[in-house]
Protein backbone atom coordinates (compact mmCIF):
# COMPACT_ATOMS: atom_id res chain seq x y z
CA MET A 1 35.25 55.59 29.96
CA ILE A 2 33.08 57.51 27.54
CA GLU A 3 31.26 56.72 24.33
CA ILE A 4 33.00 57.90 21.15
CA ASN A 5 31.14 58.03 17.85
CA PHE A 6 33.44 57.21 14.93
CA ASP A 7 31.78 58.54 11.78
CA GLY A 8 32.65 57.30 8.31
CA ILE A 9 33.79 60.06 5.96
CA VAL A 10 31.91 59.81 2.67
CA GLY A 11 34.32 58.86 -0.11
CA PRO A 12 34.80 60.65 -3.46
CA THR A 13 33.10 57.81 -5.40
CA HIS A 14 29.77 58.19 -3.57
CA ASN A 15 27.13 57.23 -6.13
CA TYR A 16 23.62 55.84 -6.42
CA GLY A 17 24.18 52.35 -7.77
CA GLY A 18 21.04 50.85 -6.20
CA LEU A 19 23.06 47.85 -5.05
CA SER A 20 21.46 47.16 -1.67
CA LEU A 21 18.57 44.69 -1.97
CA GLY A 22 16.02 45.37 0.75
CA ASN A 23 17.10 49.00 1.20
CA LEU A 24 14.15 50.93 -0.22
CA ALA A 25 15.92 54.29 -0.49
CA SER A 26 18.87 52.71 -2.28
CA LYS A 27 16.57 51.17 -4.89
CA LYS A 28 14.36 54.25 -5.24
CA ASN A 29 17.27 56.55 -6.05
CA ALA A 30 19.26 54.16 -8.24
CA GLY A 31 20.71 55.91 -11.25
CA GLN A 32 20.42 59.43 -9.87
CA THR A 33 23.29 61.91 -10.00
CA SER A 34 25.16 61.97 -6.69
CA ARG A 35 27.00 64.83 -4.97
CA PRO A 36 30.08 63.36 -3.25
CA ARG A 37 31.42 66.72 -2.06
CA ALA A 38 28.12 67.73 -0.48
CA ALA A 39 27.73 64.25 1.04
CA ALA A 40 31.14 64.40 2.73
CA LEU A 41 30.61 67.95 3.97
CA GLN A 42 27.19 67.04 5.36
CA GLY A 43 28.90 64.27 7.33
CA LEU A 44 31.49 66.69 8.69
CA ALA A 45 28.71 69.10 9.68
CA LYS A 46 27.04 66.32 11.68
CA MET A 47 30.33 65.70 13.47
CA ARG A 48 30.66 69.41 14.26
CA ALA A 49 27.16 69.37 15.71
CA ASN A 50 28.16 66.45 17.96
CA LEU A 51 31.25 68.31 19.13
CA ALA A 52 29.05 71.33 19.90
CA LEU A 53 26.94 69.10 22.14
CA GLY A 54 30.04 68.24 24.13
CA LEU A 55 30.42 64.74 22.66
CA THR A 56 33.72 63.13 21.69
CA GLN A 57 34.01 62.47 17.98
CA GLY A 58 36.12 60.11 15.89
CA ILE A 59 36.42 59.24 12.20
CA LEU A 60 36.87 56.28 9.90
CA LEU A 61 38.29 56.85 6.43
CA PRO A 62 37.10 56.06 2.90
CA HIS A 63 38.42 52.88 1.36
CA ARG A 64 40.43 52.80 -1.85
CA ARG A 65 37.86 52.92 -4.62
CA PRO A 66 37.66 51.75 -7.32
CA ASP A 67 38.85 48.51 -5.75
CA GLY A 68 41.15 47.24 -8.49
CA ALA A 69 42.59 44.55 -6.22
CA TRP A 70 39.11 43.04 -5.78
CA LEU A 71 38.56 43.10 -9.53
CA ASP A 72 41.90 41.34 -9.95
CA THR A 73 40.66 38.44 -7.82
CA LEU A 74 37.72 38.18 -10.23
CA ALA A 75 40.08 38.19 -13.25
CA THR A 76 38.73 41.45 -14.62
CA ASP A 77 39.46 45.19 -14.63
CA ALA A 78 37.83 48.58 -15.07
CA ALA A 79 37.50 48.18 -18.82
CA SER A 80 35.73 44.83 -18.79
CA ALA A 81 34.12 44.51 -15.33
CA GLY A 82 30.57 45.09 -16.57
CA PRO A 83 28.07 44.86 -13.68
CA LEU A 84 30.94 44.30 -11.24
CA TRP A 85 32.13 47.87 -11.83
CA ALA A 86 29.38 49.35 -9.66
CA ALA A 87 30.39 47.06 -6.77
CA ALA A 88 34.04 48.05 -7.23
CA THR A 89 33.30 51.79 -7.00
CA SER A 90 30.77 51.80 -4.15
CA ALA A 91 31.56 54.17 -1.27
CA SER A 92 29.41 52.14 1.13
CA ALA A 93 32.15 51.94 3.78
CA MET A 94 30.88 55.41 4.75
CA TRP A 95 28.25 53.60 6.85
CA ALA A 96 30.48 52.85 9.81
CA ALA A 97 27.71 51.14 11.79
CA ASN A 98 28.51 48.15 9.57
CA ALA A 99 32.24 48.30 10.23
CA ALA A 100 32.32 46.07 13.31
CA THR A 101 30.59 44.84 16.42
CA VAL A 102 31.98 46.40 19.60
CA SER A 103 31.89 44.99 23.14
CA PRO A 104 33.30 47.44 25.70
CA ALA A 105 35.77 46.27 28.32
CA PRO A 106 33.28 46.06 31.24
CA ASP A 107 31.32 43.38 29.35
CA ALA A 108 34.23 41.17 28.31
CA ALA A 109 35.74 38.37 30.36
CA ASP A 110 39.31 39.59 29.76
CA GLY A 111 38.58 43.25 30.57
CA ARG A 112 39.46 44.50 27.07
CA CYS A 113 37.29 46.23 24.49
CA HIS A 114 36.67 43.80 21.62
CA LEU A 115 35.96 44.77 18.01
CA SER A 116 35.05 42.16 15.36
CA VAL A 117 35.11 43.46 11.80
CA ALA A 118 31.90 42.64 9.88
CA ASN A 119 32.10 40.32 6.88
CA LEU A 120 29.12 41.84 4.99
CA VAL A 121 28.96 38.76 2.77
CA THR A 122 25.29 39.16 1.81
CA MET A 123 25.92 42.09 -0.55
CA PRO A 124 28.70 41.80 -3.18
CA HIS A 125 29.49 45.52 -3.13
CA ARG A 126 30.15 45.38 0.61
CA SER A 127 31.74 41.95 0.86
CA HIS A 128 35.19 43.33 0.01
CA GLU A 129 35.14 46.10 2.63
CA TRP A 130 36.41 44.13 5.60
CA PRO A 131 40.17 44.14 4.77
CA GLY A 132 40.18 47.94 4.50
CA THR A 133 38.12 48.31 7.65
CA LEU A 134 40.30 45.87 9.57
CA ALA A 135 43.43 47.80 8.58
CA GLN A 136 41.97 50.97 10.08
CA LEU A 137 40.72 49.31 13.26
CA GLU A 138 44.12 47.72 13.88
CA ILE A 139 45.75 51.15 13.74
CA ALA A 140 43.09 53.13 15.60
CA PHE A 141 42.78 50.55 18.39
CA ALA A 142 46.33 49.20 18.59
CA ASN A 143 46.52 49.84 22.34
CA ASP A 144 46.50 46.78 24.61
CA ALA A 145 43.14 47.98 25.93
CA PHE A 146 41.59 46.57 22.72
CA ALA A 147 41.33 43.24 20.94
CA VAL A 148 40.62 43.60 17.21
CA HIS A 149 39.33 40.49 15.41
CA GLY A 150 38.92 39.51 11.78
CA PRO A 151 35.55 38.57 10.29
CA VAL A 152 33.33 35.61 11.04
CA PRO A 153 33.74 33.27 8.04
CA ALA A 154 31.18 32.91 5.28
CA PRO A 155 28.44 31.89 4.84
CA PHE A 156 27.36 33.35 8.18
CA GLY A 157 26.39 36.93 7.37
CA ASP A 158 27.47 39.58 9.86
CA GLU A 159 26.67 43.26 9.32
CA GLY A 160 28.16 44.67 12.51
CA ALA A 161 26.84 47.16 15.02
CA ALA A 162 23.73 47.92 12.96
CA ASN A 163 22.29 44.73 14.46
CA HIS A 164 23.75 45.08 17.95
CA MET A 165 22.61 47.10 20.97
CA ARG A 166 24.08 47.56 24.42
CA LEU A 167 22.12 48.58 27.51
CA CYS A 168 23.66 49.53 30.85
CA ASP A 169 23.20 51.90 33.77
CA HIS A 170 26.01 54.08 32.42
CA HIS A 171 28.60 53.64 29.68
CA GLY A 172 31.37 52.57 32.05
CA ALA A 173 29.26 49.89 33.78
CA SER A 174 28.88 46.30 32.64
CA GLY A 175 26.01 45.97 30.23
CA VAL A 176 23.57 43.66 28.47
CA GLU A 177 24.51 43.11 24.84
CA VAL A 178 21.65 42.40 22.45
CA PHE A 179 22.30 40.75 19.08
CA VAL A 180 19.41 41.03 16.64
CA TYR A 181 19.29 38.51 13.79
CA GLY A 182 16.91 37.83 10.93
CA GLU A 183 15.37 34.74 9.38
CA ALA A 184 13.02 35.87 6.64
CA GLY A 185 11.61 39.03 5.15
CA GLY A 186 9.38 38.28 2.20
CA PRO A 187 11.32 39.27 -0.93
CA PHE A 188 14.34 40.57 0.98
CA PRO A 189 17.26 38.64 2.48
CA ALA A 190 17.90 38.48 6.22
CA ARG A 191 21.42 39.84 6.53
CA GLN A 192 22.39 39.07 10.13
CA HIS A 193 22.71 35.36 10.92
CA LEU A 194 22.23 33.96 14.40
CA GLN A 195 25.39 31.85 14.02
CA ALA A 196 27.48 34.94 13.30
CA SER A 197 26.10 36.78 16.32
CA ALA A 198 26.68 33.81 18.60
CA ALA A 199 30.25 33.44 17.36
CA ILE A 200 31.00 37.09 18.11
CA ALA A 201 29.51 36.85 21.60
CA ARG A 202 31.74 33.84 22.34
CA ARG A 203 34.79 35.52 20.83
CA HIS A 204 34.24 38.67 22.90
CA GLY A 205 33.85 36.68 26.11
CA LEU A 206 30.30 37.84 26.88
CA ALA A 207 28.74 36.01 29.79
CA ASP A 208 25.06 36.62 29.15
CA ALA A 209 24.24 38.06 25.71
CA LEU A 210 20.68 38.16 24.40
CA PHE A 211 19.87 36.90 20.90
CA VAL A 212 16.66 38.38 19.54
CA ARG A 213 14.98 37.79 16.20
CA GLN A 214 13.93 40.76 14.10
CA SER A 215 10.35 40.51 12.92
CA ASN A 216 9.61 39.32 9.40
CA GLU A 217 7.30 42.33 9.02
CA ALA A 218 10.12 44.76 9.71
CA ILE A 219 12.46 43.17 7.17
CA ALA A 220 9.73 42.98 4.54
CA ALA A 221 8.90 46.66 5.12
CA GLY A 222 12.50 47.66 4.38
CA ALA A 223 14.19 47.44 7.79
CA PHE A 224 17.26 45.72 6.39
CA HIS A 225 19.12 46.32 9.68
CA ASN A 226 17.80 46.45 13.24
CA ASP A 227 18.95 50.06 13.58
CA VAL A 228 16.16 51.06 11.17
CA VAL A 229 13.54 50.04 13.79
CA ALA A 230 15.34 50.24 17.17
CA VAL A 231 18.14 52.06 18.95
CA ALA A 232 19.46 51.85 22.53
CA ASN A 233 21.57 54.03 24.79
CA GLU A 234 22.56 53.31 28.39
CA ARG A 235 19.34 52.16 30.11
CA VAL A 236 16.94 53.27 27.33
CA LEU A 237 15.60 51.11 24.50
CA PHE A 238 13.73 53.09 21.83
CA ALA A 239 11.94 50.76 19.41
CA HIS A 240 8.99 50.33 17.09
CA GLU A 241 6.19 48.08 18.29
CA GLN A 242 6.80 45.70 15.35
CA ALA A 243 10.60 45.60 15.52
CA PHE A 244 10.99 42.17 17.12
CA ALA A 245 9.46 38.75 16.47
CA ASP A 246 8.75 38.09 20.17
CA LYS A 247 8.97 41.40 21.94
CA HIS A 248 7.31 40.16 25.14
CA ARG A 249 9.97 37.55 25.77
CA PHE A 250 12.74 39.98 24.78
CA PHE A 251 11.47 42.72 27.09
CA ALA A 252 11.08 40.26 29.97
CA ASP A 253 14.61 38.92 29.48
CA LEU A 254 15.98 42.43 29.27
CA ARG A 255 14.22 43.58 32.44
CA ALA A 256 15.48 40.52 34.28
CA ARG A 257 19.07 41.41 33.38
CA LEU A 258 18.76 45.19 33.72
CA PRO A 259 15.90 46.12 36.09
CA SER A 260 16.52 49.84 35.52
CA VAL A 261 15.82 49.62 31.77
CA GLU A 262 13.29 52.04 30.27
CA ILE A 263 11.57 50.80 27.12
CA VAL A 264 10.16 53.56 24.94
CA GLU A 265 7.97 51.83 22.39
CA VAL A 266 6.42 53.62 19.43
CA PRO A 267 2.99 52.08 18.73
CA ALA A 268 2.17 51.03 15.19
CA ASP A 269 -1.17 52.83 15.27
CA ALA A 270 0.68 56.10 15.89
CA VAL A 271 3.63 55.54 13.53
CA SER A 272 3.44 52.78 10.93
CA LEU A 273 6.47 50.74 9.94
CA GLU A 274 6.29 52.45 6.56
CA ASP A 275 6.46 55.93 8.14
CA ALA A 276 9.22 54.86 10.51
CA ILE A 277 11.32 53.59 7.62
CA ALA A 278 10.56 56.53 5.32
CA SER A 279 11.60 59.00 8.05
CA TYR A 280 14.40 56.88 9.54
CA LEU A 281 13.00 57.77 12.92
CA PHE A 282 15.00 55.00 14.61
CA ASN A 283 18.15 55.39 12.53
CA ALA A 284 19.05 58.16 14.94
CA GLN A 285 21.89 58.62 17.36
CA LEU A 286 20.45 58.29 20.85
CA VAL A 287 23.12 59.96 22.97
CA THR A 288 23.73 60.97 26.55
CA LEU A 289 24.45 64.68 26.77
CA PRO A 290 27.28 65.67 29.11
CA ALA A 291 26.08 67.49 32.22
CA ASN A 292 28.54 70.32 31.55
CA GLY A 293 27.49 70.67 27.90
CA PRO A 294 25.36 73.44 26.43
CA TYR A 295 22.09 71.58 27.01
CA GLY A 296 22.78 69.98 30.37
CA ALA A 297 22.24 66.35 31.27
CA GLY A 298 19.72 64.06 29.58
CA MET A 299 19.38 62.15 26.35
CA ALA A 300 18.93 63.50 22.84
CA LEU A 301 17.90 61.99 19.51
CA ILE A 302 20.05 63.14 16.60
CA LEU A 303 17.64 62.55 13.72
CA PRO A 304 17.67 63.00 9.96
CA SER A 305 15.88 66.19 8.97
CA GLU A 306 13.54 64.00 6.89
CA ALA A 307 11.79 63.02 10.13
CA GLN A 308 10.37 66.54 10.35
CA GLY A 309 8.65 66.03 7.02
CA VAL A 310 6.55 63.05 8.13
CA GLY A 311 3.73 64.62 10.15
CA ARG A 312 2.73 61.62 12.29
CA VAL A 313 6.37 60.92 13.15
CA TRP A 314 7.21 64.46 14.19
CA ALA A 315 3.97 64.88 16.15
CA TRP A 316 4.71 61.71 18.11
CA LEU A 317 8.28 62.84 18.82
CA GLU A 318 7.17 66.26 20.04
CA ALA A 319 4.71 64.60 22.40
CA LEU A 320 7.51 62.30 23.58
CA ILE A 321 9.87 65.08 24.62
CA ALA A 322 7.03 67.06 26.17
CA GLY A 323 6.59 64.26 28.69
CA ASN A 324 8.81 63.24 31.56
CA GLY A 325 10.65 60.44 29.80
CA PRO A 326 14.40 60.00 29.40
CA ILE A 327 14.60 61.46 25.86
CA ARG A 328 14.53 65.21 26.30
CA ARG A 329 15.76 66.79 23.06
CA LEU A 330 15.39 66.37 19.27
CA ILE A 331 18.29 67.46 17.07
CA PRO A 332 17.64 67.20 13.30
CA VAL A 333 20.69 67.02 11.02
CA ASP A 334 21.05 67.25 7.25
CA VAL A 335 22.56 64.05 5.82
CA ARG A 336 20.32 63.94 2.77
CA GLU A 337 22.96 62.56 0.40
CA SER A 338 23.50 59.59 2.70
CA MET A 339 19.76 59.23 3.30
CA ALA A 340 19.07 59.05 -0.43
CA ASN A 341 21.34 56.00 -0.54
CA GLY A 342 19.67 54.42 2.49
CA GLY A 343 21.79 55.48 5.47
CA GLY A 344 20.84 57.92 8.24
CA PRO A 345 22.76 59.39 11.19
CA ALA A 346 23.08 56.05 12.98
CA CYS A 347 24.36 54.29 9.85
CA LEU A 348 27.22 56.78 9.61
CA ARG A 349 28.74 56.02 13.02
CA LEU A 350 30.37 53.24 15.02
CA ARG A 351 30.04 53.57 18.82
CA VAL A 352 33.05 52.63 20.95
CA VAL A 353 33.05 52.96 24.74
CA CYS A 354 36.62 53.41 25.92
CA ASP A 355 39.18 55.83 27.34
CA PRO A 356 39.97 58.31 24.53
CA ALA A 357 43.62 58.27 25.61
CA THR A 358 43.86 54.67 24.36
CA VAL A 359 42.78 55.57 20.79
CA ASP A 360 45.26 56.63 18.10
CA PRO A 361 44.72 60.41 18.10
CA ARG A 362 44.76 60.56 14.30
CA PHE A 363 41.28 59.03 14.41
CA LEU A 364 39.88 61.65 16.80
CA VAL A 365 38.76 65.09 15.63
CA ASP A 366 38.15 68.58 16.88
CA ASP A 367 36.89 71.62 14.98
CA ALA A 368 40.36 72.53 13.71
CA LYS A 369 40.94 69.07 12.25
CA LEU A 370 37.49 69.11 10.66
CA ASP A 371 38.45 72.42 9.05
CA ARG A 372 41.50 70.74 7.48
CA LEU A 373 39.45 67.82 6.26
CA ALA A 374 36.79 70.11 4.80
CA ALA A 375 39.49 71.96 2.84
CA VAL A 376 40.71 68.68 1.33
CA ILE A 377 37.16 67.65 0.43
CA GLU A 378 36.40 71.04 -1.13
CA ALA A 379 39.54 70.77 -3.24
CA HIS A 380 39.41 67.12 -4.30
CA TRP A 381 35.91 65.59 -4.05
CA PRO A 382 33.82 65.79 -7.24
CA GLU A 383 30.81 68.05 -7.08
CA HIS A 384 28.57 65.75 -9.13
CA VAL A 385 28.85 62.19 -10.42
CA SER A 386 26.33 60.86 -12.93
CA PRO A 387 25.88 57.19 -13.84
CA GLU A 388 27.16 58.00 -17.34
CA GLU A 389 30.37 59.44 -15.89
CA ILE A 390 30.98 56.42 -13.68
CA ALA A 391 30.71 54.15 -16.70
CA THR A 392 33.49 56.05 -18.50
CA LEU A 393 35.93 56.95 -15.70
CA GLY A 394 37.97 53.75 -15.84
CA PRO A 395 40.38 53.37 -12.88
CA TRP A 396 39.24 56.84 -11.73
CA PRO A 397 42.67 58.22 -10.74
CA GLU A 398 41.10 61.44 -9.45
CA ALA A 399 39.19 59.50 -6.80
CA VAL A 400 42.32 57.62 -5.78
CA ALA A 401 44.26 60.90 -5.51
CA ALA A 402 41.46 62.53 -3.48
CA ARG A 403 41.64 59.77 -0.87
CA VAL A 404 45.42 60.00 -0.73
CA ALA A 405 45.14 63.76 -0.08
CA LEU A 406 42.82 63.04 2.86
CA LEU A 407 45.18 60.44 4.31
CA ASP A 408 48.12 62.83 3.91
CA ALA A 409 46.20 65.50 5.84
CA LEU A 410 45.76 63.00 8.67
CA ASP A 411 49.32 61.65 8.55
CA LEU A 412 47.95 58.18 7.80
CA ALA A 413 50.19 57.22 4.90
CA GLU A 414 50.22 53.59 6.08
CA LEU A 415 46.63 53.26 4.82
CA ILE A 416 47.42 54.38 1.28
């Protein structure tokens, strides 16, 4: 078993609608002109960089947008949707960390890898993603090695792997699954409900999951998901000092279950919550490098390039890798179009530990397939989209055709 990162491909309707309450970058850049083509190509470049590290890479596809079927259920359409139009055109499914919660086979009572699609009910523009996501998961993970589940019912908000961590001695070993939920965050809603997390743990057959509350301070500062203030990989937890409401109890419980765990905590007096969120220091991919890869064994942080621009953050990281800790390498990547809408490298990927031979190969990529996808994006994705254009595009047939061209290139006509 290995870990596969399935990255969401940025869709042709990528725009800055400012729809995500509590996401500071989303609100800050609302109404700006977006660059869907550049956004999608930046995502592909990140995937190429992962392949170059020796990692296995997968993809998830854009959803059909505008979502006319969703508007139909609301008895409206492109011409008369008003404020609903922004929610119908959002390309937010690009952030695959919110696609599902994944429990690998070694953790589950039945020995299968379980995936529960997230309901995303807190935000209207994301609440209609789950049927499209579920359709992809059921194809990609149709093998008997997997169990794919529908969403937890409303009103229990579930936002997927962005609020879930797994720690283990190695990816193929049984692990400790940590579900992080929220309760309050000043003016911002807590998106992950304890009841939703508990339901998923029961559904996946987890014997001893941990349920940990995110701190009010983190949510109020703009950490709308746990992956904005913490990330884990194998036996390493990398977290901000103010990430959790009761870190002492959490750390003690974690050490009791996994004595080999290494907790790398970033102190608030070195990096404030504000700097951590501005730089998306923790919205990084913490990955295990293959021993036969170009950099040898060890762990690396795949970070947004914005982290280099926040002096205190970058100075702390350089001191970290100069030591003898488990994180040995920093790899900045350019995903600025996604970052401007509030999603960094970790938001763009869903982690699945499994045997790659059990995954539908159409959802796995190599450099040659990425070349084909880049050609489709270059030909069909719009270069720029302004708010004024979105308001006048109606059903946006060009966006629909662009997605169909991508699906054709992947031989995934069943998703059209």
